[in-house]
Amino acid sequence: MQLVIVTPEGVACQAEVESVKLSGTAGPFTVLKGHAPLLSTLERGDVIYVEQGAERRVAIRSGVVNVFDNRIEVCAELDTPEKRK
């Protein structure tokens, strides 16, 4: 599956992944290969993905995700210590 995370600053992540965990506003969910099409809003939390067997994280403040055809597109604002003040 292809994961792309886009922020106002640019592309934060572009990777071939095995799974992605997201914090949806209706609750957390996991995307695996062959997932049904989905559009969801996201709340503050980590986008957790597995790339080549290694778990990686990107902290976001909020955003949206579009899942289709084994592609996960996240448009989000990063959650950095500076933005938590």
PDB file of N, CA and C in Angstrom:
ATOM      1  N   MET A   1       0.844  -1.173   0.000  1.00  0.00           N
ATOM      2  CA  MET A   1       0.000   0.000   0.000  1.00  0.00           C
ATOM      3  C   MET A   1       0.888   1.234   0.000  1.00  0.00           C
ATOM      4  N   GLN A   2       0.398   2.265  -0.585  1.00  0.00           N
ATOM      5  CA  GLN A   2       1.134   3.526  -0.647  1.00  0.00           C
ATOM      6  C   GLN A   2       0.542   4.507   0.366  1.00  0.00           C
ATOM      7  N   LEU A   3       1.388   5.060   1.227  1.00  0.00           N
ATOM      8  CA  LEU A   3       0.974   6.081   2.194  1.00  0.00           C
ATOM      9  C   LEU A   3       1.613   7.404   1.820  1.00  0.00           C
ATOM     10  N   VAL A   4       0.798   8.447   1.782  1.00  0.00           N
ATOM     11  CA  VAL A   4       1.288   9.806   1.543  1.00  0.00           C
ATOM     12  C   VAL A   4       0.685  10.697   2.627  1.00  0.00           C
ATOM     13  N   ILE A   5       1.547  11.417   3.359  1.00  0.00           N
ATOM     14  CA  ILE A   5       1.095  12.385   4.347  1.00  0.00           C
ATOM     15  C   ILE A   5       1.543  13.755   3.876  1.00  0.00           C
ATOM     16  N   VAL A   6       0.567  14.622   3.606  1.00  0.00           N
ATOM     17  CA  VAL A   6       0.836  15.974   3.108  1.00  0.00           C
ATOM     18  C   VAL A   6       0.432  16.968   4.192  1.00  0.00           C
ATOM     19  N   THR A   7       1.292  17.965   4.414  1.00  0.00           N
ATOM     20  CA  THR A   7       1.047  19.011   5.403  1.00  0.00           C
ATOM     21  C   THR A   7       1.160  20.367   4.718  1.00  0.00           C
ATOM     22  N   PRO A   8       0.788  21.442   5.404  1.00  0.00           N
ATOM     23  CA  PRO A   8       0.985  22.765   4.804  1.00  0.00           C
ATOM     24  C   PRO A   8       2.452  23.048   4.464  1.00  0.00           C
ATOM     25  N   GLU A   9       3.361  22.376   5.160  1.00  0.00           N
ATOM     26  CA  GLU A   9       4.790  22.568   4.917  1.00  0.00           C
ATOM     27  C   GLU A   9       5.309  21.738   3.747  1.00  0.00           C
ATOM     28  N   GLY A  10       4.541  20.746   3.302  1.00  0.00           N
ATOM     29  CA  GLY A  10       4.971  19.880   2.204  1.00  0.00           C
ATOM     30  C   GLY A  10       4.691  18.420   2.519  1.00  0.00           C
ATOM     31  N   VAL A  11       5.328  17.518   1.787  1.00  0.00           N
ATOM     32  CA  VAL A  11       5.139  16.086   1.981  1.00  0.00           C
ATOM     33  C   VAL A  11       5.945  15.639   3.200  1.00  0.00           C
ATOM     34  N   ALA A  12       5.248  15.134   4.218  1.00  0.00           N
ATOM     35  CA  ALA A  12       5.911  14.683   5.449  1.00  0.00           C
ATOM     36  C   ALA A  12       6.323  13.226   5.354  1.00  0.00           C
ATOM     37  N   CYS A  13       5.632  12.450   4.515  1.00  0.00           N
ATOM     38  CA  CYS A  13       5.912  11.026   4.402  1.00  0.00           C
ATOM     39  C   CYS A  13       5.379  10.518   3.081  1.00  0.00           C
ATOM     40  N   GLN A  14       6.153   9.667   2.444  1.00  0.00           N
ATOM     41  CA  GLN A  14       5.707   8.945   1.258  1.00  0.00           C
ATOM     42  C   GLN A  14       6.394   7.601   1.332  1.00  0.00           C
ATOM     43  N   ALA A  15       5.607   6.520   1.553  1.00  0.00           N
ATOM     44  CA  ALA A  15       6.209   5.216   1.799  1.00  0.00           C
ATOM     45  C   ALA A  15       5.308   4.082   1.352  1.00  0.00           C
ATOM     46  N   GLU A  16       5.911   2.955   1.067  1.00  0.00           N
ATOM     47  CA  GLU A  16       5.203   1.711   0.822  1.00  0.00           C
ATOM     48  C   GLU A  16       5.045   1.047   2.185  1.00  0.00           C
ATOM     49  N   VAL A  17       3.814   0.811   2.621  1.00  0.00           N
ATOM     50  CA  VAL A  17       3.563   0.361   3.986  1.00  0.00           C
ATOM     51  C   VAL A  17       2.753  -0.932   4.020  1.00  0.00           C
ATOM     52  N   GLU A  18       2.818  -1.594   5.177  1.00  0.00           N
ATOM     53  CA  GLU A  18       2.068  -2.830   5.393  1.00  0.00           C
ATOM     54  C   GLU A  18       0.750  -2.566   6.108  1.00  0.00           C
ATOM     55  N   SER A  19       0.719  -1.558   6.984  1.00  0.00           N
ATOM     56  CA  SER A  19      -0.491  -1.180   7.710  1.00  0.00           C
ATOM     57  C   SER A  19      -0.362   0.257   8.190  1.00  0.00           C
ATOM     58  N   VAL A  20      -1.523   0.871   8.490  1.00  0.00           N
ATOM     59  CA  VAL A  20      -1.554   2.241   8.997  1.00  0.00           C
ATOM     60  C   VAL A  20      -2.646   2.322  10.070  1.00  0.00           C
ATOM     61  N   LYS A  21      -2.292   2.875  11.242  1.00  0.00           N
ATOM     62  CA  LYS A  21      -3.266   3.111  12.313  1.00  0.00           C
ATOM     63  C   LYS A  21      -3.483   4.618  12.410  1.00  0.00           C
ATOM     64  N   LEU A  22      -4.759   5.014  12.487  1.00  0.00           N
ATOM     65  CA  LEU A  22      -5.111   6.426  12.511  1.00  0.00           C
ATOM     66  C   LEU A  22      -6.111   6.706  13.626  1.00  0.00           C
ATOM     67  N   SER A  23      -6.110   7.950  14.114  1.00  0.00           N
ATOM     68  CA  SER A  23      -7.052   8.390  15.147  1.00  0.00           C
ATOM     69  C   SER A  23      -8.184   9.161  14.486  1.00  0.00           C
ATOM     70  N   GLY A  24      -9.221   8.448  14.087  1.00  0.00           N
ATOM     71  CA  GLY A  24     -10.386   9.089  13.479  1.00  0.00           C
ATOM     72  C   GLY A  24     -11.214   9.795  14.533  1.00  0.00           C
ATOM     73  N   THR A  25     -11.974  10.797  14.137  1.00  0.00           N
ATOM     74  CA  THR A  25     -12.815  11.510  15.103  1.00  0.00           C
ATOM     75  C   THR A  25     -13.918  10.603  15.657  1.00  0.00           C
ATOM     76  N   ALA A  26     -14.259   9.513  14.959  1.00  0.00           N
ATOM     77  CA  ALA A  26     -15.249   8.552  15.455  1.00  0.00           C
ATOM     78  C   ALA A  26     -14.571   7.381  16.171  1.00  0.00           C
ATOM     79  N   GLY A  27     -13.239   7.439  16.289  1.00  0.00           N
ATOM     80  CA  GLY A  27     -12.489   6.384  16.966  1.00  0.00           C
ATOM     81  C   GLY A  27     -11.314   5.912  16.123  1.00  0.00           C
ATOM     82  N   PRO A  28     -10.371   5.222  16.755  1.00  0.00           N
ATOM     83  CA  PRO A  28      -9.186   4.756  16.032  1.00  0.00           C
ATOM     84  C   PRO A  28      -9.533   3.620  15.066  1.00  0.00           C
ATOM     85  N   PHE A  29      -8.757   3.525  13.989  1.00  0.00           N
ATOM     86  CA  PHE A  29      -8.955   2.432  13.039  1.00  0.00           C
ATOM     87  C   PHE A  29      -7.634   2.099  12.349  1.00  0.00           C
ATOM     88  N   THR A  30      -7.588   0.905  11.776  1.00  0.00           N
ATOM     89  CA  THR A  30      -6.398   0.407  11.088  1.00  0.00           C
ATOM     90  C   THR A  30      -6.749   0.131   9.636  1.00  0.00           C
ATOM     91  N   VAL A  31      -5.838   0.484   8.736  1.00  0.00           N
ATOM     92  CA  VAL A  31      -6.012   0.223   7.311  1.00  0.00           C
ATOM     93  C   VAL A  31      -5.007  -0.856   6.911  1.00  0.00           C
ATOM     94  N   LEU A  32      -5.524  -1.920   6.304  1.00  0.00           N
ATOM     95  CA  LEU A  32      -4.703  -3.002   5.780  1.00  0.00           C
ATOM     96  C   LEU A  32      -4.944  -3.113   4.283  1.00  0.00           C
ATOM     97  N   LYS A  33      -4.111  -3.888   3.605  1.00  0.00           N
ATOM     98  CA  LYS A  33      -4.237  -4.060   2.160  1.00  0.00           C
ATOM     99  C   LYS A  33      -5.648  -4.524   1.810  1.00  0.00           C
ATOM    100  N   GLY A  34      -6.236  -3.924   0.783  1.00  0.00           N
ATOM    101  CA  GLY A  34      -7.564  -4.293   0.326  1.00  0.00           C
ATOM    102  C   GLY A  34      -8.693  -3.618   1.088  1.00  0.00           C
ATOM    103  N   HIS A  35      -8.364  -2.634   1.930  1.00  0.00           N
ATOM    104  CA  HIS A  35      -9.385  -1.927   2.710  1.00  0.00           C
ATOM    105  C   HIS A  35     -10.402  -1.276   1.781  1.00  0.00           C
ATOM    106  N   ALA A  36     -11.647  -1.255   2.217  1.00  0.00           N
ATOM    107  CA  ALA A  36     -12.709  -0.582   1.455  1.00  0.00           C
ATOM    108  C   ALA A  36     -12.431   0.914   1.386  1.00  0.00           C
ATOM    109  N   PRO A  37     -12.912   1.577   0.339  1.00  0.00           N
ATOM    110  CA  PRO A  37     -12.741   3.035   0.253  1.00  0.00           C
ATOM    111  C   PRO A  37     -13.308   3.710   1.505  1.00  0.00           C
ATOM    112  N   LEU A  38     -12.624   4.763   1.937  1.00  0.00           N
ATOM    113  CA  LEU A  38     -12.988   5.424   3.190  1.00  0.00           C
ATOM    114  C   LEU A  38     -12.538   6.872   3.151  1.00  0.00           C
ATOM    115  N   LEU A  39     -13.358   7.749   3.696  1.00  0.00           N
ATOM    116  CA  LEU A  39     -13.001   9.149   3.889  1.00  0.00           C
ATOM    117  C   LEU A  39     -13.343   9.476   5.331  1.00  0.00           C
ATOM    118  N   SER A  40     -12.360  10.002   6.094  1.00  0.00           N
ATOM    119  CA  SER A  40     -12.582  10.263   7.513  1.00  0.00           C
ATOM    120  C   SER A  40     -11.822  11.496   7.952  1.00  0.00           C
ATOM    121  N   THR A  41     -12.371  12.170   8.958  1.00  0.00           N
ATOM    122  CA  THR A  41     -11.635  13.245   9.612  1.00  0.00           C
ATOM    123  C   THR A  41     -10.760  12.616  10.699  1.00  0.00           C
ATOM    124  N   LEU A  42      -9.655  13.294  11.011  1.00  0.00           N
ATOM    125  CA  LEU A  42      -8.704  12.794  11.998  1.00  0.00           C
ATOM    126  C   LEU A  42      -8.550  13.783  13.137  1.00  0.00           C
ATOM    127  N   GLU A  43      -8.295  13.263  14.322  1.00  0.00           N
ATOM    128  CA  GLU A  43      -8.039  14.110  15.476  1.00  0.00           C
ATOM    129  C   GLU A  43      -6.581  13.950  15.898  1.00  0.00           C
ATOM    130  N   ARG A  44      -6.184  14.744  16.884  1.00  0.00           N
ATOM    131  CA  ARG A  44      -4.805  14.725  17.375  1.00  0.00           C
ATOM    132  C   ARG A  44      -4.405  13.302  17.761  1.00  0.00           C
ATOM    133  N   GLY A  45      -3.234  12.907  17.305  1.00  0.00           N
ATOM    134  CA  GLY A  45      -2.712  11.578  17.605  1.00  0.00           C
ATOM    135  C   GLY A  45      -1.592  11.241  16.640  1.00  0.00           C
ATOM    136  N   ASP A  46      -1.135  10.022  16.725  1.00  0.00           N
ATOM    137  CA  ASP A  46      -0.066   9.561  15.840  1.00  0.00           C
ATOM    138  C   ASP A  46      -0.636   8.779  14.667  1.00  0.00           C
ATOM    139  N   VAL A  47      -0.097   9.035  13.479  1.00  0.00           N
ATOM    140  CA  VAL A  47      -0.307   8.150  12.347  1.00  0.00           C
ATOM    141  C   VAL A  47       0.807   7.112  12.498  1.00  0.00           C
ATOM    142  N   ILE A  48       0.420   5.878  12.788  1.00  0.00           N
ATOM    143  CA  ILE A  48       1.396   4.818  13.037  1.00  0.00           C
ATOM    144  C   ILE A  48       1.380   3.884  11.835  1.00  0.00           C
ATOM    145  N   TYR A  49       2.528   3.725  11.193  1.00  0.00           N
ATOM    146  CA  TYR A  49       2.575   2.858  10.020  1.00  0.00           C
ATOM    147  C   TYR A  49       3.759   1.908  10.115  1.00  0.00           C
ATOM    148  N   VAL A  50       3.618   0.775   9.433  1.00  0.00           N
ATOM    149  CA  VAL A  50       4.670  -0.232   9.398  1.00  0.00           C
ATOM    150  C   VAL A  50       5.274  -0.227   8.002  1.00  0.00           C
ATOM    151  N   GLU A  51       6.562   0.059   7.955  1.00  0.00           N
ATOM    152  CA  GLU A  51       7.312   0.118   6.694  1.00  0.00           C
ATOM    153  C   GLU A  51       8.483  -0.842   6.804  1.00  0.00           C
ATOM    154  N   GLN A  52       8.526  -1.846   5.957  1.00  0.00           N
ATOM    155  CA  GLN A  52       9.582  -2.863   5.959  1.00  0.00           C
ATOM    156  C   GLN A  52       9.762  -3.472   7.349  1.00  0.00           C
ATOM    157  N   GLY A  53       8.654  -3.756   8.012  1.00  0.00           N
ATOM    158  CA  GLY A  53       8.678  -4.394   9.317  1.00  0.00           C
ATOM    159  C   GLY A  53       8.939  -3.471  10.495  1.00  0.00           C
ATOM    160  N   ALA A  54       9.253  -2.206  10.243  1.00  0.00           N
ATOM    161  CA  ALA A  54       9.550  -1.249  11.320  1.00  0.00           C
ATOM    162  C   ALA A  54       8.363  -0.308  11.530  1.00  0.00           C
ATOM    163  N   GLU A  55       7.985  -0.109  12.794  1.00  0.00           N
ATOM    164  CA  GLU A  55       6.899   0.815  13.114  1.00  0.00           C
ATOM    165  C   GLU A  55       7.435   2.240  13.163  1.00  0.00           C
ATOM    166  N   ARG A  56       6.731   3.138  12.489  1.00  0.00           N
ATOM    167  CA  ARG A  56       7.105   4.553  12.457  1.00  0.00           C
ATOM    168  C   ARG A  56       5.880   5.381  12.823  1.00  0.00           C
ATOM    169  N   ARG A  57       6.123   6.626  13.286  1.00  0.00           N
ATOM    170  CA  ARG A  57       5.036   7.495  13.739  1.00  0.00           C
ATOM    171  C   ARG A  57       5.211   8.917  13.204  1.00  0.00           C
ATOM    172  N   VAL A  58       4.066   9.523  12.914  1.00  0.00           N
ATOM    173  CA  VAL A  58       4.016  10.938  12.569  1.00  0.00           C
ATOM    174  C   VAL A  58       2.903  11.534  13.423  1.00  0.00           C
ATOM    175  N   ALA A  59       3.235  12.504  14.286  1.00  0.00           N
ATOM    176  CA  ALA A  59       2.245  13.139  15.164  1.00  0.00           C
ATOM    177  C   ALA A  59       1.505  14.219  14.391  1.00  0.00           C
ATOM    178  N   ILE A  60       0.158  14.170  14.467  1.00  0.00           N
ATOM    179  CA  ILE A  60      -0.650  15.184  13.788  1.00  0.00           C
ATOM    180  C   ILE A  60      -1.602  15.849  14.778  1.00  0.00           C
ATOM    181  N   ARG A  61      -2.002  17.085  14.451  1.00  0.00           N
ATOM    182  CA  ARG A  61      -2.987  17.834  15.257  1.00  0.00           C
ATOM    183  C   ARG A  61      -4.404  17.521  14.793  1.00  0.00           C
ATOM    184  N   SER A  62      -4.608  17.493  13.492  1.00  0.00           N
ATOM    185  CA  SER A  62      -5.913  17.198  12.902  1.00  0.00           C
ATOM    186  C   SER A  62      -5.703  16.988  11.411  1.00  0.00           C
ATOM    187  N   GLY A  63      -6.746  16.487  10.748  1.00  0.00           N
ATOM    188  CA  GLY A  63      -6.617  16.290   9.316  1.00  0.00           C
ATOM    189  C   GLY A  63      -7.737  15.449   8.749  1.00  0.00           C
ATOM    190  N   VAL A  64      -7.537  14.990   7.526  1.00  0.00           N
ATOM    191  CA  VAL A  64      -8.468  14.095   6.849  1.00  0.00           C
ATOM    192  C   VAL A  64      -7.662  12.986   6.179  1.00  0.00           C
ATOM    193  N   VAL A  65      -8.324  11.842   5.978  1.00  0.00           N
ATOM    194  CA  VAL A  65      -7.687  10.731   5.278  1.00  0.00           C
ATOM    195  C   VAL A  65      -8.643  10.219   4.209  1.00  0.00           C
ATOM    196  N   ASN A  66      -8.075   9.861   3.075  1.00  0.00           N
ATOM    197  CA  ASN A  66      -8.817   9.260   1.976  1.00  0.00           C
ATOM    198  C   ASN A  66      -8.131   7.935   1.656  1.00  0.00           C
ATOM    199  N   VAL A  67      -8.889   6.842   1.761  1.00  0.00           N
ATOM    200  CA  VAL A  67      -8.354   5.506   1.474  1.00  0.00           C
ATOM    201  C   VAL A  67      -9.055   4.985   0.231  1.00  0.00           C
ATOM    202  N   PHE A  68      -8.281   4.575  -0.773  1.00  0.00           N
ATOM    203  CA  PHE A  68      -8.854   3.998  -1.979  1.00  0.00           C
ATOM    204  C   PHE A  68      -7.776   3.238  -2.734  1.00  0.00           C
ATOM    205  N   ASP A  69      -8.141   2.096  -3.286  1.00  0.00           N
ATOM    206  CA  ASP A  69      -7.256   1.328  -4.166  1.00  0.00           C
ATOM    207  C   ASP A  69      -5.860   1.130  -3.570  1.00  0.00           C
ATOM    208  N   ASN A  70      -5.801   0.714  -2.295  1.00  0.00           N
ATOM    209  CA  ASN A  70      -4.533   0.472  -1.589  1.00  0.00           C
ATOM    210  C   ASN A  70      -3.641   1.711  -1.524  1.00  0.00           C
ATOM    211  N   ARG A  71      -4.255   2.876  -1.469  1.00  0.00           N
ATOM    212  CA  ARG A  71      -3.542   4.141  -1.316  1.00  0.00           C
ATOM    213  C   ARG A  71      -4.172   4.897  -0.154  1.00  0.00           C
ATOM    214  N   ILE A  72      -3.344   5.375   0.769  1.00  0.00           N
ATOM    215  CA  ILE A  72      -3.809   6.124   1.928  1.00  0.00           C
ATOM    216  C   ILE A  72      -3.246   7.534   1.805  1.00  0.00           C
ATOM    217  N   GLU A  73      -4.123   8.508   1.626  1.00  0.00           N
ATOM    218  CA  GLU A  73      -3.704   9.899   1.493  1.00  0.00           C
ATOM    219  C   GLU A  73      -4.164  10.666   2.726  1.00  0.00           C
ATOM    220  N   VAL A  74      -3.208  11.200   3.472  1.00  0.00           N
ATOM    221  CA  VAL A  74      -3.501  11.969   4.679  1.00  0.00           C
ATOM    222  C   VAL A  74      -3.122  13.422   4.420  1.00  0.00           C
ATOM    223  N   CYS A  75      -4.051  14.323   4.696  1.00  0.00           N
ATOM    224  CA  CYS A  75      -3.785  15.754   4.637  1.00  0.00           C
ATOM    225  C   CYS A  75      -3.948  16.256   6.064  1.00  0.00           C
ATOM    226  N   ALA A  76      -2.844  16.697   6.685  1.00  0.00           N
ATOM    227  CA  ALA A  76      -2.901  16.996   8.115  1.00  0.00           C
ATOM    228  C   ALA A  76      -1.929  18.105   8.495  1.00  0.00           C
ATOM    229  N   GLU A  77      -2.174  18.639   9.683  1.00  0.00           N
ATOM    230  CA  GLU A  77      -1.250  19.583  10.292  1.00  0.00           C
ATOM    231  C   GLU A  77      -0.418  18.800  11.306  1.00  0.00           C
ATOM    232  N   LEU A  78       0.905  18.923  11.206  1.00  0.00           N
ATOM    233  CA  LEU A  78       1.771  18.211  12.141  1.00  0.00           C
ATOM    234  C   LEU A  78       1.605  18.742  13.558  1.00  0.00           C
ATOM    235  N   ASP A  79       1.785  17.877  14.536  1.00  0.00           N
ATOM    236  CA  ASP A  79       1.712  18.251  15.951  1.00  0.00           C
ATOM    237  C   ASP A  79       3.141  18.316  16.473  1.00  0.00           C
ATOM    238  N   THR A  80       3.642  19.530  16.613  1.00  0.00           N
ATOM    239  CA  THR A  80       5.004  19.723  17.101  1.00  0.00           C
ATOM    240  C   THR A  80       4.949  20.413  18.462  1.00  0.00           C
ATOM    241  N   PRO A  81       6.009  20.300  19.260  1.00  0.00           N
ATOM    242  CA  PRO A  81       6.013  20.966  20.573  1.00  0.00           C
ATOM    243  C   PRO A  81       5.713  22.457  20.468  1.00  0.00           C
ATOM    244  N   GLU A  82       6.185  23.116  19.420  1.00  0.00           N
ATOM    245  CA  GLU A  82       5.947  24.542  19.249  1.00  0.00           C
ATOM    246  C   GLU A  82       4.458  24.839  19.074  1.00  0.00           C
ATOM    247  N   LYS A  83       3.729  23.937  18.428  1.00  0.00           N
ATOM    248  CA  LYS A  83       2.310  24.164  18.163  1.00  0.00           C
ATOM    249  C   LYS A  83       1.438  23.800  19.337  1.00  0.00           C
ATOM    250  N   ARG A  84       1.988  23.131  20.356  1.00  0.00           N
ATOM    251  CA  ARG A  84       1.208  22.748  21.536  1.00  0.00           C
ATOM    252  C   ARG A  84       1.093  23.884  22.529  1.00  0.00           C
ATOM    253  N   LYS A  85       1.861  24.946  22.365  1.00  0.00           N
ATOM    254  CA  LYS A  85       1.854  26.071  23.305  1.00  0.00           C
ATOM    255  C   LYS A  85       0.649  26.939  23.129  1.00  0.00           C
TER     256      LYS A  85
END
